[in-house]
Amino acid sequence: MRALDHIVFNARDRMDEVAALFERLGFFVTARGHHSLGSINHTVVFESDYLELLGYPPGAPPEQRPELVSRPLGLMATVLRSIDADGTHAELMRAGLVPRPVQTFSRPVEMTGGAIADASFRVTRLEPDAVPGSWFYFCQHLTPGLVWRREWQRHANGACAMAVLDIGLPDVESAAPLYQACTASAATRVNDALVFQLDSAQLRLATAAAGAGAGMTGLSFYVPSLERLRSRFLRDGIRFAWHGAAMDIDPEETFGCRLQFVLQRDQALVQSTQSSCTFTAPGH
């Protein structure tokens, strides 16, 4: 079983808006980073994984990252952890996948107090459409201490980890072997979905809505209290729907992406919430 390392949200050239959204939702968003490949990013860091907001400056699409321009705004990639990028590359080849050559890159990181250090990575990627629904990367951190820092893991909304990544597919059964090869784990059937465990997180495959293509349809986060979130969102005018042990943010607030909060570490309560929701309006 491979662990989840991070999820990539493609901000394209709208990074200021995307970063502001996650700050409004109560996440601590790190200072902007500038990759050696020409892209820019912010991160939302949890105990063992993180969300990466990835994009490029307006009017300056990076030649080495054309996918940021060609792919739509929203959830774009699933990144699994590697302790040896070359070894992972070989494992993927043996599993019948065709990863890109391992690539080494870095980005300066602004530390507390203003010091600057270079965070370095070795990454191999599959081709963007090799697996329906999500683009898979495999990341080896050469400097993990520059990514997972305690002062960046304290979020005003209480979030401590990513819970479930939802992926919608026209044909779940035919895609399942590819997901098994990527995650190095077997799926568990939960209701009408196939669930792959990625250490503390879950990747859930479900049949896409009628007329919809394959894609990453939603991401949820573990929090200790939904009541605390309710008060915050009402105060800040964020539209949400609260149902049972989960709270959905109105997709109109989130660039069409379904973002959800679920009660912390309660695996039994992480259920599908694809049904329609009534969103609470500000002031109600």
C-alpha atoms as a PDB file:
ATOM      1  CA  MET A   1       0.000   0.000   0.000  1.00  0.00           C
ATOM      2  CA  ARG A   2       1.313   3.414  -0.958  1.00  0.00           C
ATOM      3  CA  ALA A   3       0.555   6.383   1.279  1.00  0.00           C
ATOM      4  CA  LEU A   4      -1.011   9.604   0.096  1.00  0.00           C
ATOM      5  CA  ASP A   5       1.596  12.346  -0.144  1.00  0.00           C
ATOM      6  CA  HIS A   6      -0.457  15.227  -1.484  1.00  0.00           C
ATOM      7  CA  ILE A   7      -3.316  16.272  -3.751  1.00  0.00           C
ATOM      8  CA  VAL A   8      -2.803  18.892  -6.466  1.00  0.00           C
ATOM      9  CA  PHE A   9      -5.378  21.623  -7.056  1.00  0.00           C
ATOM     10  CA  ASN A  10      -4.715  23.338 -10.389  1.00  0.00           C
ATOM     11  CA  ALA A  11      -5.139  27.065  -9.799  1.00  0.00           C
ATOM     12  CA  ARG A  12      -3.998  27.952 -13.336  1.00  0.00           C
ATOM     13  CA  ASP A  13      -3.422  31.739 -13.417  1.00  0.00           C
ATOM     14  CA  ARG A  14      -5.946  32.432 -10.621  1.00  0.00           C
ATOM     15  CA  MET A  15      -3.691  31.646  -7.683  1.00  0.00           C
ATOM     16  CA  ASP A  16      -4.636  34.736  -5.670  1.00  0.00           C
ATOM     17  CA  GLU A  17      -8.330  33.768  -5.759  1.00  0.00           C
ATOM     18  CA  VAL A  18      -7.706  30.101  -4.961  1.00  0.00           C
ATOM     19  CA  ALA A  19      -5.370  30.839  -2.042  1.00  0.00           C
ATOM     20  CA  ALA A  20      -7.865  33.364  -0.670  1.00  0.00           C
ATOM     21  CA  LEU A  21     -10.652  30.747  -0.801  1.00  0.00           C
ATOM     22  CA  PHE A  22      -8.728  28.257   1.324  1.00  0.00           C
ATOM     23  CA  GLU A  23      -7.805  30.953   3.809  1.00  0.00           C
ATOM     24  CA  ARG A  24     -11.502  31.897   4.103  1.00  0.00           C
ATOM     25  CA  LEU A  25     -12.294  28.240   4.816  1.00  0.00           C
ATOM     26  CA  GLY A  26      -9.955  28.362   7.804  1.00  0.00           C
ATOM     27  CA  PHE A  27      -6.828  26.713   6.429  1.00  0.00           C
ATOM     28  CA  PHE A  28      -3.319  28.015   7.023  1.00  0.00           C
ATOM     29  CA  VAL A  29      -1.878  28.630   3.550  1.00  0.00           C
ATOM     30  CA  THR A  30       1.908  28.796   3.332  1.00  0.00           C
ATOM     31  CA  ALA A  31       3.779  31.600   1.602  1.00  0.00           C
ATOM     32  CA  ARG A  32       4.011  31.417  -2.169  1.00  0.00           C
ATOM     33  CA  GLY A  33       6.710  29.157  -3.566  1.00  0.00           C
ATOM     34  CA  HIS A  34       8.406  29.413  -6.952  1.00  0.00           C
ATOM     35  CA  HIS A  35       9.466  26.139  -8.560  1.00  0.00           C
ATOM     36  CA  SER A  36      12.587  25.754 -10.643  1.00  0.00           C
ATOM     37  CA  LEU A  37      10.223  24.502 -13.428  1.00  0.00           C
ATOM     38  CA  GLY A  38       8.462  27.887 -13.623  1.00  0.00           C
ATOM     39  CA  SER A  39       5.281  27.112 -11.662  1.00  0.00           C
ATOM     40  CA  ILE A  40       4.175  28.702  -8.384  1.00  0.00           C
ATOM     41  CA  ASN A  41       2.461  27.118  -5.401  1.00  0.00           C
ATOM     42  CA  HIS A  42       1.053  27.357  -1.910  1.00  0.00           C
ATOM     43  CA  THR A  43       0.550  24.391   0.398  1.00  0.00           C
ATOM     44  CA  VAL A  44      -1.999  23.449   3.053  1.00  0.00           C
ATOM     45  CA  VAL A  45      -0.061  21.086   5.304  1.00  0.00           C
ATOM     46  CA  PHE A  46      -1.516  18.394   7.583  1.00  0.00           C
ATOM     47  CA  GLU A  47       0.014  15.728   9.835  1.00  0.00           C
ATOM     48  CA  SER A  48       1.232  13.411   7.085  1.00  0.00           C
ATOM     49  CA  ASP A  49      -0.116  14.780   3.780  1.00  0.00           C
ATOM     50  CA  TYR A  50      -0.887  18.124   2.199  1.00  0.00           C
ATOM     51  CA  LEU A  51      -2.901  19.929  -0.435  1.00  0.00           C
ATOM     52  CA  GLU A  52      -0.855  21.748  -3.060  1.00  0.00           C
ATOM     53  CA  LEU A  53      -2.310  24.772  -4.826  1.00  0.00           C
ATOM     54  CA  LEU A  54      -0.336  24.806  -8.068  1.00  0.00           C
ATOM     55  CA  GLY A  55      -0.414  27.388 -10.818  1.00  0.00           C
ATOM     56  CA  TYR A  56       1.501  30.040 -12.679  1.00  0.00           C
ATOM     57  CA  PRO A  57       1.735  33.857 -12.752  1.00  0.00           C
ATOM     58  CA  PRO A  58      -0.841  35.594 -14.972  1.00  0.00           C
ATOM     59  CA  GLY A  59       0.556  35.931 -18.466  1.00  0.00           C
ATOM     60  CA  ALA A  60       3.521  33.647 -17.775  1.00  0.00           C
ATOM     61  CA  PRO A  61       2.550  29.980 -18.346  1.00  0.00           C
ATOM     62  CA  PRO A  62       5.607  27.781 -17.677  1.00  0.00           C
ATOM     63  CA  GLU A  63       6.969  26.004 -20.738  1.00  0.00           C
ATOM     64  CA  GLN A  64       7.968  23.007 -18.609  1.00  0.00           C
ATOM     65  CA  ARG A  65       4.479  22.628 -17.076  1.00  0.00           C
ATOM     66  CA  PRO A  66       2.077  22.895 -20.063  1.00  0.00           C
ATOM     67  CA  GLU A  67      -0.527  20.763 -18.267  1.00  0.00           C
ATOM     68  CA  LEU A  68      -1.314  23.673 -15.947  1.00  0.00           C
ATOM     69  CA  VAL A  69      -2.666  25.549 -18.947  1.00  0.00           C
ATOM     70  CA  SER A  70      -4.290  22.638 -20.767  1.00  0.00           C
ATOM     71  CA  ARG A  71      -6.133  21.176 -17.767  1.00  0.00           C
ATOM     72  CA  PRO A  72      -9.095  22.894 -16.044  1.00  0.00           C
ATOM     73  CA  LEU A  73      -9.199  24.737 -12.752  1.00  0.00           C
ATOM     74  CA  GLY A  74      -9.733  22.357  -9.824  1.00  0.00           C
ATOM     75  CA  LEU A  75      -8.507  19.017  -8.498  1.00  0.00           C
ATOM     76  CA  MET A  76      -5.944  17.670 -10.924  1.00  0.00           C
ATOM     77  CA  ALA A  77      -3.566  15.041  -9.536  1.00  0.00           C
ATOM     78  CA  THR A  78      -3.084  12.385  -6.868  1.00  0.00           C
ATOM     79  CA  VAL A  79       0.471  12.222  -5.551  1.00  0.00           C
ATOM     80  CA  LEU A  80       1.587   9.086  -3.725  1.00  0.00           C
ATOM     81  CA  ARG A  81       4.667   8.880  -1.551  1.00  0.00           C
ATOM     82  CA  SER A  82       7.898   7.272  -2.644  1.00  0.00           C
ATOM     83  CA  ILE A  83      10.992   6.621  -0.551  1.00  0.00           C
ATOM     84  CA  ASP A  84      13.005   5.923  -3.703  1.00  0.00           C
ATOM     85  CA  ALA A  85      11.777   7.499  -6.943  1.00  0.00           C
ATOM     86  CA  ASP A  86      13.952   5.256  -9.107  1.00  0.00           C
ATOM     87  CA  GLY A  87      12.689   2.152  -7.323  1.00  0.00           C
ATOM     88  CA  THR A  88       9.089   3.331  -7.682  1.00  0.00           C
ATOM     89  CA  HIS A  89       9.676   3.943 -11.386  1.00  0.00           C
ATOM     90  CA  ALA A  90      10.873   0.343 -11.757  1.00  0.00           C
ATOM     91  CA  GLU A  91       7.897  -1.015  -9.754  1.00  0.00           C
ATOM     92  CA  LEU A  92       5.450   0.872 -11.964  1.00  0.00           C
ATOM     93  CA  MET A  93       7.116  -0.526 -15.071  1.00  0.00           C
ATOM     94  CA  ARG A  94       6.808  -4.065 -13.704  1.00  0.00           C
ATOM     95  CA  ALA A  95       3.110  -3.400 -13.033  1.00  0.00           C
ATOM     96  CA  GLY A  96       2.604  -2.590 -16.715  1.00  0.00           C
ATOM     97  CA  LEU A  97       2.488   1.190 -16.330  1.00  0.00           C
ATOM     98  CA  VAL A  98       4.734   3.586 -18.270  1.00  0.00           C
ATOM     99  CA  PRO A  99       5.942   6.389 -16.004  1.00  0.00           C
ATOM    100  CA  ARG A 100       7.917   9.378 -17.192  1.00  0.00           C
ATOM    101  CA  PRO A 101      11.636   9.533 -16.295  1.00  0.00           C
ATOM    102  CA  VAL A 102      12.390  10.643 -12.742  1.00  0.00           C
ATOM    103  CA  GLN A 103      12.707  14.416 -12.511  1.00  0.00           C
ATOM    104  CA  THR A 104      14.507  16.372  -9.780  1.00  0.00           C
ATOM    105  CA  PHE A 105      13.383  19.904  -8.926  1.00  0.00           C
ATOM    106  CA  SER A 106      13.244  22.328  -6.019  1.00  0.00           C
ATOM    107  CA  ARG A 107      11.592  25.466  -4.711  1.00  0.00           C
ATOM    108  CA  PRO A 108      12.735  28.051  -2.155  1.00  0.00           C
ATOM    109  CA  VAL A 109      10.830  27.874   1.136  1.00  0.00           C
ATOM    110  CA  GLU A 110      10.409  30.886   3.384  1.00  0.00           C
ATOM    111  CA  MET A 111      10.846  29.769   6.982  1.00  0.00           C
ATOM    112  CA  THR A 112       9.466  31.385  10.116  1.00  0.00           C
ATOM    113  CA  GLY A 113      11.740  34.335  10.781  1.00  0.00           C
ATOM    114  CA  GLY A 114      12.439  34.964   7.106  1.00  0.00           C
ATOM    115  CA  ALA A 115      15.211  32.446   6.408  1.00  0.00           C
ATOM    116  CA  ILE A 116      15.115  30.793   2.963  1.00  0.00           C
ATOM    117  CA  ALA A 117      15.896  27.122   2.258  1.00  0.00           C
ATOM    118  CA  ASP A 118      15.428  24.919  -0.821  1.00  0.00           C
ATOM    119  CA  ALA A 119      12.878  22.102  -0.637  1.00  0.00           C
ATOM    120  CA  SER A 120      13.918  19.368  -3.084  1.00  0.00           C
ATOM    121  CA  PHE A 121      11.974  16.516  -4.670  1.00  0.00           C
ATOM    122  CA  ARG A 122      12.414  13.594  -7.056  1.00  0.00           C
ATOM    123  CA  VAL A 123       9.223  12.820  -8.939  1.00  0.00           C
ATOM    124  CA  THR A 124       8.034  10.367 -11.570  1.00  0.00           C
ATOM    125  CA  ARG A 125       4.666  10.899 -13.267  1.00  0.00           C
ATOM    126  CA  LEU A 126       2.400   8.795 -15.390  1.00  0.00           C
ATOM    127  CA  GLU A 127       1.082  10.403 -18.542  1.00  0.00           C
ATOM    128  CA  PRO A 128      -1.887  12.687 -17.749  1.00  0.00           C
ATOM    129  CA  ASP A 129      -4.557  10.318 -19.108  1.00  0.00           C
ATOM    130  CA  ALA A 130      -2.885   6.986 -18.333  1.00  0.00           C
ATOM    131  CA  VAL A 131      -5.408   6.398 -15.529  1.00  0.00           C
ATOM    132  CA  PRO A 132      -8.977   7.681 -16.027  1.00  0.00           C
ATOM    133  CA  GLY A 133     -10.108  10.195 -13.435  1.00  0.00           C
ATOM    134  CA  SER A 134      -6.816  11.406 -11.964  1.00  0.00           C
ATOM    135  CA  TRP A 135      -3.253  12.109 -12.969  1.00  0.00           C
ATOM    136  CA  PHE A 136      -0.829  10.132 -10.787  1.00  0.00           C
ATOM    137  CA  TYR A 137       2.551  11.360  -9.553  1.00  0.00           C
ATOM    138  CA  PHE A 138       4.959   9.576  -7.199  1.00  0.00           C
ATOM    139  CA  CYS A 139       7.066  11.890  -5.035  1.00  0.00           C
ATOM    140  CA  GLN A 140      10.237  11.340  -3.051  1.00  0.00           C
ATOM    141  CA  HIS A 141      10.962  14.167  -0.608  1.00  0.00           C
ATOM    142  CA  LEU A 142      14.669  14.902  -0.244  1.00  0.00           C
ATOM    143  CA  THR A 143      13.970  17.571   2.402  1.00  0.00           C
ATOM    144  CA  PRO A 144      10.735  16.552   4.201  1.00  0.00           C
ATOM    145  CA  GLY A 145      11.509  18.833   7.130  1.00  0.00           C
ATOM    146  CA  LEU A 146      10.993  21.812   4.831  1.00  0.00           C
ATOM    147  CA  VAL A 147       7.447  20.671   3.963  1.00  0.00           C
ATOM    148  CA  TRP A 148       5.992  19.296   7.210  1.00  0.00           C
ATOM    149  CA  ARG A 149       6.557  22.036   9.758  1.00  0.00           C
ATOM    150  CA  ARG A 150       4.527  22.235  12.953  1.00  0.00           C
ATOM    151  CA  GLU A 151       3.766  25.939  12.599  1.00  0.00           C
ATOM    152  CA  TRP A 152       2.138  25.275   9.200  1.00  0.00           C
ATOM    153  CA  GLN A 153      -0.068  22.439  10.478  1.00  0.00           C
ATOM    154  CA  ARG A 154      -2.266  24.517  12.769  1.00  0.00           C
ATOM    155  CA  HIS A 155      -5.486  25.387  10.956  1.00  0.00           C
ATOM    156  CA  ALA A 156      -8.183  27.663  12.343  1.00  0.00           C
ATOM    157  CA  ASN A 157     -10.846  25.186  11.164  1.00  0.00           C
ATOM    158  CA  GLY A 158      -9.148  22.336  13.087  1.00  0.00           C
ATOM    159  CA  ALA A 159      -8.415  20.214   9.997  1.00  0.00           C
ATOM    160  CA  CYS A 160      -5.715  17.615  10.629  1.00  0.00           C
ATOM    161  CA  ALA A 161      -5.688  15.463   7.465  1.00  0.00           C
ATOM    162  CA  MET A 162      -7.333  14.777   4.150  1.00  0.00           C
ATOM    163  CA  ALA A 163     -10.001  12.111   4.536  1.00  0.00           C
ATOM    164  CA  VAL A 164     -11.393  10.979   1.178  1.00  0.00           C
ATOM    165  CA  LEU A 165     -10.619  11.760  -2.440  1.00  0.00           C
ATOM    166  CA  ASP A 166     -13.656  11.039  -4.622  1.00  0.00           C
ATOM    167  CA  ILE A 167     -13.229  10.112  -8.278  1.00  0.00           C
ATOM    168  CA  GLY A 168     -16.112   9.631 -10.673  1.00  0.00           C
ATOM    169  CA  LEU A 169     -15.755   7.180 -13.570  1.00  0.00           C
ATOM    170  CA  PRO A 170     -18.067   6.000 -16.347  1.00  0.00           C
ATOM    171  CA  ASP A 171     -16.776   2.436 -15.813  1.00  0.00           C
ATOM    172  CA  VAL A 172     -15.420   1.777 -12.326  1.00  0.00           C
ATOM    173  CA  GLU A 173     -14.722  -1.921 -12.797  1.00  0.00           C
ATOM    174  CA  SER A 174     -12.482  -1.509 -15.848  1.00  0.00           C
ATOM    175  CA  ALA A 175     -10.456   1.264 -14.179  1.00  0.00           C
ATOM    176  CA  ALA A 176      -9.996  -0.576 -10.867  1.00  0.00           C
ATOM    177  CA  PRO A 177      -6.908  -2.618 -11.951  1.00  0.00           C
ATOM    178  CA  LEU A 178      -5.083   0.593 -12.895  1.00  0.00           C
ATOM    179  CA  TYR A 179      -5.850   2.106  -9.497  1.00  0.00           C
ATOM    180  CA  GLN A 180      -4.702  -1.090  -7.815  1.00  0.00           C
ATOM    181  CA  ALA A 181      -1.395  -0.901  -9.706  1.00  0.00           C
ATOM    182  CA  CYS A 182      -0.894   2.757  -8.742  1.00  0.00           C
ATOM    183  CA  THR A 183      -1.804   2.382  -5.082  1.00  0.00           C
ATOM    184  CA  ALA A 184      -0.252  -1.084  -4.600  1.00  0.00           C
ATOM    185  CA  SER A 185      -3.363  -2.081  -2.656  1.00  0.00           C
ATOM    186  CA  ALA A 186      -6.609  -3.941  -3.183  1.00  0.00           C
ATOM    187  CA  ALA A 187      -9.985  -2.240  -3.173  1.00  0.00           C
ATOM    188  CA  THR A 188     -12.750  -2.730  -0.633  1.00  0.00           C
ATOM    189  CA  ARG A 189     -16.340  -2.440  -1.818  1.00  0.00           C
ATOM    190  CA  VAL A 190     -18.324   0.039   0.281  1.00  0.00           C
ATOM    191  CA  ASN A 191     -21.922   0.357  -0.872  1.00  0.00           C
ATOM    192  CA  ASP A 192     -21.655   1.158  -4.598  1.00  0.00           C
ATOM    193  CA  ALA A 193     -18.050   2.417  -4.449  1.00  0.00           C
ATOM    194  CA  LEU A 194     -14.579   0.871  -4.522  1.00  0.00           C
ATOM    195  CA  VAL A 195     -12.309   2.226  -1.788  1.00  0.00           C
ATOM    196  CA  PHE A 196      -8.511   2.114  -1.785  1.00  0.00           C
ATOM    197  CA  GLN A 197      -6.772   2.814   1.515  1.00  0.00           C
ATOM    198  CA  LEU A 198      -3.819   5.227   1.298  1.00  0.00           C
ATOM    199  CA  ASP A 199      -2.533   5.051   4.869  1.00  0.00           C
ATOM    200  CA  SER A 200      -4.880   7.395   6.798  1.00  0.00           C
ATOM    201  CA  ALA A 201      -6.701   8.617   3.677  1.00  0.00           C
ATOM    202  CA  GLN A 202      -9.087   6.908   1.279  1.00  0.00           C
ATOM    203  CA  LEU A 203      -9.454   7.051  -2.488  1.00  0.00           C
ATOM    204  CA  ARG A 204     -13.029   6.282  -3.497  1.00  0.00           C
ATOM    205  CA  LEU A 205     -14.154   5.330  -7.009  1.00  0.00           C
ATOM    206  CA  ALA A 206     -17.829   5.720  -7.851  1.00  0.00           C
ATOM    207  CA  THR A 207     -19.881   5.782 -11.022  1.00  0.00           C
ATOM    208  CA  ALA A 208     -19.904   9.251 -12.554  1.00  0.00           C
ATOM    209  CA  ALA A 209     -23.147  11.159 -12.866  1.00  0.00           C
ATOM    210  CA  ALA A 210     -25.008  10.679 -16.138  1.00  0.00           C
ATOM    211  CA  GLY A 211     -23.276  12.579 -18.900  1.00  0.00           C
ATOM    212  CA  ALA A 212     -20.187  13.339 -16.822  1.00  0.00           C
ATOM    213  CA  GLY A 213     -16.732  12.167 -17.792  1.00  0.00           C
ATOM    214  CA  ALA A 214     -14.016  10.768 -15.557  1.00  0.00           C
ATOM    215  CA  GLY A 215     -12.586  13.170 -13.009  1.00  0.00           C
ATOM    216  CA  MET A 216     -11.699  14.035  -9.424  1.00  0.00           C
ATOM    217  CA  THR A 217     -15.075  15.051  -8.054  1.00  0.00           C
ATOM    218  CA  GLY A 218     -14.415  15.964  -4.433  1.00  0.00           C
ATOM    219  CA  LEU A 219     -12.067  16.108  -1.471  1.00  0.00           C
ATOM    220  CA  SER A 220     -12.902  15.895   2.222  1.00  0.00           C
ATOM    221  CA  PHE A 221     -10.957  16.873   5.346  1.00  0.00           C
ATOM    222  CA  TYR A 222     -11.055  15.569   8.908  1.00  0.00           C
ATOM    223  CA  VAL A 223     -12.072  18.118  11.550  1.00  0.00           C
ATOM    224  CA  PRO A 224     -12.847  17.696  15.285  1.00  0.00           C
ATOM    225  CA  SER A 225     -16.051  19.769  15.265  1.00  0.00           C
ATOM    226  CA  LEU A 226     -18.634  20.658  12.640  1.00  0.00           C
ATOM    227  CA  GLU A 227     -20.408  23.031  15.024  1.00  0.00           C
ATOM    228  CA  ARG A 228     -17.251  25.121  15.193  1.00  0.00           C
ATOM    229  CA  LEU A 229     -17.168  25.246  11.404  1.00  0.00           C
ATOM    230  CA  ARG A 230     -20.830  26.194  11.214  1.00  0.00           C
ATOM    231  CA  SER A 231     -20.227  29.229  13.398  1.00  0.00           C
ATOM    232  CA  ARG A 232     -17.205  30.255  11.359  1.00  0.00           C
ATOM    233  CA  PHE A 233     -18.925  29.863   8.001  1.00  0.00           C
ATOM    234  CA  LEU A 234     -22.035  31.738   9.104  1.00  0.00           C
ATOM    235  CA  ARG A 235     -19.832  34.562  10.363  1.00  0.00           C
ATOM    236  CA  ASP A 236     -17.845  34.706   7.111  1.00  0.00           C
ATOM    237  CA  GLY A 237     -20.802  34.302   4.750  1.00  0.00           C
ATOM    238  CA  ILE A 238     -19.764  30.908   3.333  1.00  0.00           C
ATOM    239  CA  ARG A 239     -22.632  28.790   2.013  1.00  0.00           C
ATOM    240  CA  PHE A 240     -22.673  25.184   3.262  1.00  0.00           C
ATOM    241  CA  ALA A 241     -24.897  22.147   3.743  1.00  0.00           C
ATOM    242  CA  TRP A 242     -24.627  20.106   6.975  1.00  0.00           C
ATOM    243  CA  HIS A 243     -25.934  16.566   6.850  1.00  0.00           C
ATOM    244  CA  GLY A 244     -25.137  13.999   9.535  1.00  0.00           C
ATOM    245  CA  ALA A 245     -21.397  13.787  10.124  1.00  0.00           C
ATOM    246  CA  ALA A 246     -20.380  15.819   7.080  1.00  0.00           C
ATOM    247  CA  MET A 247     -20.523  19.399   5.858  1.00  0.00           C
ATOM    248  CA  ASP A 248     -20.303  20.374   2.170  1.00  0.00           C
ATOM    249  CA  ILE A 249     -19.271  23.788   0.916  1.00  0.00           C
ATOM    250  CA  ASP A 250     -21.419  25.177  -1.885  1.00  0.00           C
ATOM    251  CA  PRO A 251     -19.513  24.466  -5.141  1.00  0.00           C
ATOM    252  CA  GLU A 252     -20.293  28.017  -6.227  1.00  0.00           C
ATOM    253  CA  GLU A 253     -17.858  29.067  -3.480  1.00  0.00           C
ATOM    254  CA  THR A 254     -15.169  26.597  -4.550  1.00  0.00           C
ATOM    255  CA  PHE A 255     -14.804  26.993  -8.344  1.00  0.00           C
ATOM    256  CA  GLY A 256     -17.145  24.034  -8.903  1.00  0.00           C
ATOM    257  CA  CYS A 257     -15.092  21.622  -6.795  1.00  0.00           C
ATOM    258  CA  ARG A 258     -16.891  19.674  -4.019  1.00  0.00           C
ATOM    259  CA  LEU A 259     -15.040  20.303  -0.753  1.00  0.00           C
ATOM    260  CA  GLN A 260     -16.325  18.585   2.367  1.00  0.00           C
ATOM    261  CA  PHE A 261     -15.490  18.394   6.071  1.00  0.00           C
ATOM    262  CA  VAL A 262     -16.100  15.187   8.063  1.00  0.00           C
ATOM    263  CA  LEU A 263     -15.751  14.347  11.723  1.00  0.00           C
ATOM    264  CA  GLN A 264     -12.193  13.498  12.638  1.00  0.00           C
ATOM    265  CA  ARG A 265     -10.932   9.956  12.094  1.00  0.00           C
ATOM    266  CA  ASP A 266     -14.409   8.386  12.118  1.00  0.00           C
ATOM    267  CA  GLN A 267     -13.956   6.070   9.137  1.00  0.00           C
ATOM    268  CA  ALA A 268     -17.425   4.599   9.561  1.00  0.00           C
ATOM    269  CA  LEU A 269     -18.928   8.036   9.017  1.00  0.00           C
ATOM    270  CA  VAL A 270     -17.137   8.811   5.769  1.00  0.00           C
ATOM    271  CA  GLN A 271     -20.055   8.114   3.466  1.00  0.00           C
ATOM    272  CA  SER A 272     -20.857   9.224  -0.050  1.00  0.00           C
ATOM    273  CA  THR A 273     -22.676  12.555  -0.195  1.00  0.00           C
ATOM    274  CA  GLN A 274     -23.326  12.872  -3.904  1.00  0.00           C
ATOM    275  CA  SER A 275     -27.033  13.535  -3.379  1.00  0.00           C
ATOM    276  CA  SER A 276     -28.343  17.075  -3.741  1.00  0.00           C
ATOM    277  CA  CYS A 277     -27.845  19.465  -0.828  1.00  0.00           C
ATOM    278  CA  THR A 278     -29.587  22.599   0.381  1.00  0.00           C
ATOM    279  CA  PHE A 279     -26.930  25.169   1.181  1.00  0.00           C
ATOM    280  CA  THR A 280     -27.285  27.534   4.111  1.00  0.00           C
ATOM    281  CA  ALA A 281     -27.217  31.145   2.964  1.00  0.00           C
ATOM    282  CA  PRO A 282     -25.223  33.788   4.857  1.00  0.00           C
ATOM    283  CA  GLY A 283     -27.153  35.205   7.787  1.00  0.00           C
ATOM    284  CA  HIS A 284     -29.235  32.034   8.341  1.00  0.00           C
END
